[in-house]
Amino acid sequence: MPQYLVAIHLPDDYDPCKEDEALRHDIDLLNEEMVAAGIRTFVGGLQPVSTAMSVRRKPDGKLLVTDGPYIETKEHIGGFWVLEAADMQEALAWGRKAAIACRAPVEVRPFH
């Protein structure tokens, strides 16, 4: 069965300490629903973007390691699910549920 990434996008200044009980409850319910449906392969929340490190290959072949995310944006991936779904429409249905539960934009993308 095809696998899909369902990624939650959060603002760079997002503070998980400010998540309320209702938000955590809704995400827990979504996770339980995904497990019950047998579609959840993996789930992970990420530390704040300020903890990221980037590795870039320079033209001379040497590697440059820097603090921070690879791309300068106003949002970053704060967590994600890997789901096994029949097709993109099924994955998008779960993405819609994730956007509601997480109260944040969601990206749904198939794996190769």
N, C-alpha and C. Protein backbone atom coordinates (compact mmCIF):
# COMPACT_ATOMS: atom_id res chain seq x y z
N MET A 1 0.85 -1.18 0.00
CA MET A 1 0.00 0.00 0.00
C MET A 1 0.90 1.24 0.00
N PRO A 2 0.54 2.28 -0.76
CA PRO A 2 1.35 3.49 -0.81
C PRO A 2 1.44 4.17 0.56
N GLN A 3 2.56 4.84 0.78
CA GLN A 3 2.75 5.59 2.02
C GLN A 3 2.74 7.08 1.73
N TYR A 4 2.24 7.84 2.71
CA TYR A 4 2.11 9.29 2.58
C TYR A 4 2.65 9.97 3.82
N LEU A 5 3.32 11.09 3.62
CA LEU A 5 3.75 11.94 4.71
C LEU A 5 2.64 12.95 4.97
N VAL A 6 2.21 13.07 6.20
CA VAL A 6 1.26 14.10 6.62
C VAL A 6 2.03 14.96 7.62
N ALA A 7 2.47 16.15 7.16
CA ALA A 7 3.34 17.01 7.95
C ALA A 7 2.58 18.22 8.47
N ILE A 8 2.79 18.53 9.73
CA ILE A 8 2.16 19.68 10.38
C ILE A 8 3.14 20.85 10.30
N HIS A 9 2.69 21.99 9.80
CA HIS A 9 3.54 23.18 9.69
C HIS A 9 3.19 24.14 10.81
N LEU A 10 4.22 24.57 11.53
CA LEU A 10 4.04 25.46 12.67
C LEU A 10 4.87 26.72 12.48
N PRO A 11 4.46 27.84 13.07
CA PRO A 11 5.27 29.05 12.97
C PRO A 11 6.60 28.86 13.71
N ASP A 12 7.63 29.57 13.27
CA ASP A 12 8.94 29.42 13.88
C ASP A 12 8.94 29.71 15.38
N ASP A 13 8.07 30.60 15.83
CA ASP A 13 8.04 30.95 17.26
C ASP A 13 7.05 30.09 18.05
N TYR A 14 6.63 28.97 17.48
CA TYR A 14 5.65 28.09 18.15
C TYR A 14 6.22 27.59 19.47
N ASP A 15 5.43 27.66 20.52
CA ASP A 15 5.84 27.19 21.84
C ASP A 15 4.93 26.05 22.28
N PRO A 16 5.45 24.79 22.24
CA PRO A 16 4.60 23.66 22.62
C PRO A 16 4.13 23.72 24.06
N CYS A 17 4.79 24.48 24.89
CA CYS A 17 4.37 24.62 26.29
C CYS A 17 3.02 25.33 26.39
N LYS A 18 2.64 26.06 25.35
CA LYS A 18 1.39 26.79 25.37
C LYS A 18 0.23 26.00 24.78
N GLU A 19 0.47 24.72 24.40
CA GLU A 19 -0.61 23.88 23.90
C GLU A 19 -1.58 23.60 25.04
N ASP A 20 -2.87 23.76 24.77
CA ASP A 20 -3.84 23.51 25.82
C ASP A 20 -4.27 22.03 25.81
N GLU A 21 -4.97 21.66 26.84
CA GLU A 21 -5.41 20.27 27.02
C GLU A 21 -6.32 19.82 25.88
N ALA A 22 -7.15 20.72 25.38
CA ALA A 22 -8.07 20.37 24.29
C ALA A 22 -7.30 20.00 23.03
N LEU A 23 -6.24 20.75 22.71
CA LEU A 23 -5.42 20.44 21.55
C LEU A 23 -4.77 19.07 21.69
N ARG A 24 -4.15 18.81 22.83
CA ARG A 24 -3.50 17.51 23.05
C ARG A 24 -4.52 16.37 22.99
N HIS A 25 -5.69 16.61 23.54
CA HIS A 25 -6.76 15.60 23.51
C HIS A 25 -7.18 15.28 22.07
N ASP A 26 -7.36 16.33 21.27
CA ASP A 26 -7.77 16.12 19.88
C ASP A 26 -6.71 15.35 19.08
N ILE A 27 -5.45 15.65 19.33
CA ILE A 27 -4.36 14.93 18.64
C ILE A 27 -4.31 13.48 19.12
N ASP A 28 -4.48 13.26 20.42
CA ASP A 28 -4.52 11.88 20.94
C ASP A 28 -5.66 11.09 20.30
N LEU A 29 -6.83 11.70 20.18
CA LEU A 29 -7.97 11.02 19.55
C LEU A 29 -7.68 10.68 18.09
N LEU A 30 -7.04 11.61 17.38
CA LEU A 30 -6.69 11.35 15.98
C LEU A 30 -5.71 10.18 15.89
N ASN A 31 -4.71 10.16 16.76
CA ASN A 31 -3.76 9.05 16.76
C ASN A 31 -4.45 7.72 17.04
N GLU A 32 -5.36 7.71 18.00
CA GLU A 32 -6.11 6.49 18.30
C GLU A 32 -6.93 6.04 17.10
N GLU A 33 -7.55 7.00 16.39
CA GLU A 33 -8.34 6.68 15.21
C GLU A 33 -7.45 6.11 14.10
N MET A 34 -6.27 6.68 13.92
CA MET A 34 -5.34 6.18 12.90
C MET A 34 -4.88 4.75 13.21
N VAL A 35 -4.58 4.50 14.47
CA VAL A 35 -4.17 3.15 14.89
C VAL A 35 -5.32 2.17 14.66
N ALA A 36 -6.52 2.55 15.07
CA ALA A 36 -7.68 1.67 14.91
C ALA A 36 -7.94 1.36 13.43
N ALA A 37 -7.68 2.33 12.55
CA ALA A 37 -7.89 2.14 11.12
C ALA A 37 -6.75 1.34 10.48
N GLY A 38 -5.65 1.16 11.23
CA GLY A 38 -4.52 0.40 10.72
C GLY A 38 -3.71 1.11 9.66
N ILE A 39 -3.74 2.44 9.65
CA ILE A 39 -3.04 3.18 8.60
C ILE A 39 -1.77 3.88 9.09
N ARG A 40 -1.60 4.01 10.41
CA ARG A 40 -0.45 4.74 10.94
C ARG A 40 0.78 3.86 10.98
N THR A 41 1.82 4.26 10.26
CA THR A 41 3.09 3.55 10.25
C THR A 41 4.05 4.14 11.28
N PHE A 42 4.09 5.46 11.36
CA PHE A 42 5.00 6.15 12.26
C PHE A 42 4.44 7.53 12.54
N VAL A 43 4.72 8.05 13.71
CA VAL A 43 4.35 9.41 14.08
C VAL A 43 5.50 10.01 14.88
N GLY A 44 5.77 11.29 14.69
CA GLY A 44 6.83 11.93 15.46
C GLY A 44 6.63 13.42 15.55
N GLY A 45 6.87 13.95 16.72
CA GLY A 45 6.88 15.39 16.92
C GLY A 45 8.34 15.84 16.94
N LEU A 46 8.60 17.02 16.44
CA LEU A 46 9.96 17.52 16.37
C LEU A 46 10.20 18.61 17.40
N GLN A 47 11.44 18.72 17.85
CA GLN A 47 11.84 19.79 18.75
C GLN A 47 11.73 21.12 18.00
N PRO A 48 11.75 22.25 18.70
CA PRO A 48 11.64 23.55 18.04
C PRO A 48 12.73 23.74 16.97
N VAL A 49 12.41 24.55 15.97
CA VAL A 49 13.32 24.79 14.85
C VAL A 49 14.66 25.36 15.33
N SER A 50 14.67 25.99 16.49
CA SER A 50 15.92 26.55 17.01
C SER A 50 16.94 25.45 17.35
N THR A 51 16.51 24.20 17.45
CA THR A 51 17.43 23.09 17.74
C THR A 51 17.98 22.44 16.48
N ALA A 52 17.54 22.89 15.31
CA ALA A 52 17.95 22.26 14.04
C ALA A 52 19.39 22.58 13.69
N MET A 53 20.01 21.67 12.97
CA MET A 53 21.34 21.85 12.39
C MET A 53 21.22 21.49 10.91
N SER A 54 21.97 22.17 10.06
CA SER A 54 21.94 21.89 8.63
C SER A 54 23.33 21.51 8.15
N VAL A 55 23.37 20.61 7.20
CA VAL A 55 24.63 20.18 6.58
C VAL A 55 24.50 20.45 5.09
N ARG A 56 25.45 21.21 4.56
CA ARG A 56 25.45 21.54 3.13
C ARG A 56 26.79 21.12 2.52
N ARG A 57 26.71 20.61 1.30
CA ARG A 57 27.93 20.25 0.57
C ARG A 57 28.34 21.48 -0.24
N LYS A 58 29.56 21.93 -0.04
CA LYS A 58 30.09 23.08 -0.76
C LYS A 58 30.64 22.62 -2.11
N PRO A 59 30.84 23.56 -3.05
CA PRO A 59 31.35 23.20 -4.38
C PRO A 59 32.69 22.44 -4.34
N ASP A 60 33.50 22.70 -3.31
CA ASP A 60 34.79 22.00 -3.21
C ASP A 60 34.66 20.61 -2.59
N GLY A 61 33.42 20.21 -2.29
CA GLY A 61 33.18 18.88 -1.73
C GLY A 61 33.18 18.83 -0.22
N LYS A 62 33.66 19.87 0.43
CA LYS A 62 33.66 19.91 1.89
C LYS A 62 32.23 20.15 2.38
N LEU A 63 31.99 19.75 3.62
CA LEU A 63 30.67 19.92 4.22
C LEU A 63 30.68 21.09 5.19
N LEU A 64 29.60 21.85 5.17
CA LEU A 64 29.43 22.99 6.06
C LEU A 64 28.26 22.68 6.99
N VAL A 65 28.51 22.70 8.28
CA VAL A 65 27.47 22.47 9.29
C VAL A 65 27.15 23.81 9.94
N THR A 66 25.85 24.15 9.93
CA THR A 66 25.44 25.42 10.52
C THR A 66 24.25 25.21 11.44
N ASP A 67 24.06 26.16 12.35
CA ASP A 67 22.89 26.14 13.22
C ASP A 67 21.67 26.53 12.40
N GLY A 68 20.54 25.93 12.75
CA GLY A 68 19.28 26.33 12.16
C GLY A 68 18.84 25.46 11.01
N PRO A 69 17.62 25.72 10.56
CA PRO A 69 17.06 24.92 9.46
C PRO A 69 17.75 25.24 8.15
N TYR A 70 17.59 24.36 7.18
CA TYR A 70 18.20 24.53 5.87
C TYR A 70 17.63 25.73 5.13
N ILE A 71 16.32 25.91 5.23
CA ILE A 71 15.65 26.99 4.51
C ILE A 71 15.12 28.01 5.50
N GLU A 72 15.31 29.28 5.19
CA GLU A 72 14.77 30.36 6.01
C GLU A 72 13.30 30.55 5.64
N THR A 73 12.40 30.23 6.55
CA THR A 73 10.97 30.40 6.32
C THR A 73 10.32 30.93 7.59
N LYS A 74 9.05 31.19 7.52
CA LYS A 74 8.30 31.62 8.69
C LYS A 74 7.63 30.45 9.38
N GLU A 75 7.61 29.30 8.71
CA GLU A 75 7.02 28.08 9.27
C GLU A 75 8.00 26.94 9.10
N HIS A 76 7.81 25.90 9.88
CA HIS A 76 8.64 24.70 9.78
C HIS A 76 7.78 23.49 10.09
N ILE A 77 8.31 22.30 9.79
CA ILE A 77 7.59 21.08 10.12
C ILE A 77 7.76 20.83 11.62
N GLY A 78 6.65 20.76 12.31
CA GLY A 78 6.68 20.56 13.75
C GLY A 78 6.43 19.12 14.16
N GLY A 79 5.89 18.34 13.25
CA GLY A 79 5.61 16.93 13.51
C GLY A 79 5.03 16.31 12.27
N PHE A 80 4.92 14.99 12.29
CA PHE A 80 4.43 14.32 11.09
C PHE A 80 3.95 12.91 11.38
N TRP A 81 3.18 12.40 10.45
CA TRP A 81 2.76 11.00 10.45
C TRP A 81 3.23 10.39 9.14
N VAL A 82 3.52 9.12 9.15
CA VAL A 82 3.67 8.34 7.93
C VAL A 82 2.49 7.38 7.93
N LEU A 83 1.67 7.49 6.90
CA LEU A 83 0.45 6.70 6.81
C LEU A 83 0.49 5.78 5.60
N GLU A 84 -0.14 4.63 5.72
CA GLU A 84 -0.37 3.76 4.57
C GLU A 84 -1.83 3.96 4.17
N ALA A 85 -2.03 4.47 2.97
CA ALA A 85 -3.38 4.75 2.50
C ALA A 85 -3.53 4.21 1.08
N ALA A 86 -4.76 3.93 0.71
CA ALA A 86 -5.03 3.37 -0.62
C ALA A 86 -4.63 4.33 -1.73
N ASP A 87 -4.84 5.64 -1.50
CA ASP A 87 -4.55 6.63 -2.54
C ASP A 87 -4.48 8.02 -1.90
N MET A 88 -4.19 9.02 -2.72
CA MET A 88 -4.05 10.38 -2.23
C MET A 88 -5.35 10.88 -1.60
N GLN A 89 -6.49 10.49 -2.14
CA GLN A 89 -7.76 10.96 -1.57
C GLN A 89 -7.94 10.48 -0.14
N GLU A 90 -7.58 9.22 0.13
CA GLU A 90 -7.67 8.72 1.50
C GLU A 90 -6.67 9.44 2.39
N ALA A 91 -5.44 9.65 1.89
CA ALA A 91 -4.43 10.36 2.67
C ALA A 91 -4.88 11.79 2.96
N LEU A 92 -5.49 12.45 1.99
CA LEU A 92 -5.99 13.81 2.20
C LEU A 92 -7.11 13.85 3.24
N ALA A 93 -7.93 12.82 3.28
CA ALA A 93 -8.99 12.77 4.30
C ALA A 93 -8.36 12.78 5.69
N TRP A 94 -7.28 12.02 5.85
CA TRP A 94 -6.57 12.02 7.14
C TRP A 94 -5.87 13.36 7.36
N GLY A 95 -5.34 13.96 6.30
CA GLY A 95 -4.71 15.27 6.41
C GLY A 95 -5.70 16.33 6.87
N ARG A 96 -6.92 16.24 6.38
CA ARG A 96 -7.96 17.19 6.84
C ARG A 96 -8.21 17.02 8.34
N LYS A 97 -8.29 15.78 8.78
CA LYS A 97 -8.49 15.53 10.21
C LYS A 97 -7.31 16.06 11.02
N ALA A 98 -6.10 15.91 10.49
CA ALA A 98 -4.91 16.40 11.18
C ALA A 98 -4.92 17.92 11.28
N ALA A 99 -5.32 18.60 10.22
CA ALA A 99 -5.39 20.07 10.24
C ALA A 99 -6.38 20.55 11.29
N ILE A 100 -7.49 19.84 11.43
CA ILE A 100 -8.49 20.21 12.44
C ILE A 100 -7.96 19.94 13.84
N ALA A 101 -7.40 18.75 14.06
CA ALA A 101 -6.91 18.39 15.40
C ALA A 101 -5.74 19.27 15.83
N CYS A 102 -4.83 19.54 14.91
CA CYS A 102 -3.61 20.30 15.26
C CYS A 102 -3.79 21.81 15.17
N ARG A 103 -4.91 22.22 14.55
CA ARG A 103 -5.17 23.65 14.38
C ARG A 103 -4.01 24.33 13.65
N ALA A 104 -3.51 23.66 12.60
CA ALA A 104 -2.35 24.15 11.85
C ALA A 104 -2.41 23.65 10.42
N PRO A 105 -1.69 24.31 9.51
CA PRO A 105 -1.64 23.83 8.14
C PRO A 105 -0.97 22.46 8.06
N VAL A 106 -1.42 21.65 7.11
CA VAL A 106 -0.92 20.29 6.92
C VAL A 106 -0.53 20.10 5.46
N GLU A 107 0.58 19.43 5.24
CA GLU A 107 1.02 19.04 3.90
C GLU A 107 0.90 17.53 3.78
N VAL A 108 0.32 17.05 2.69
CA VAL A 108 0.21 15.62 2.43
C VAL A 108 1.01 15.34 1.16
N ARG A 109 1.96 14.40 1.26
CA ARG A 109 2.82 14.13 0.11
C ARG A 109 3.14 12.63 0.05
N PRO A 110 3.03 12.06 -1.16
CA PRO A 110 3.33 10.61 -1.29
C PRO A 110 4.84 10.36 -1.27
N PHE A 111 5.22 9.19 -0.78
CA PHE A 111 6.60 8.73 -0.88
C PHE A 111 6.80 8.09 -2.25
N HIS A 112 8.06 8.03 -2.69
CA HIS A 112 8.38 7.32 -3.94
C HIS A 112 8.13 5.86 -3.75
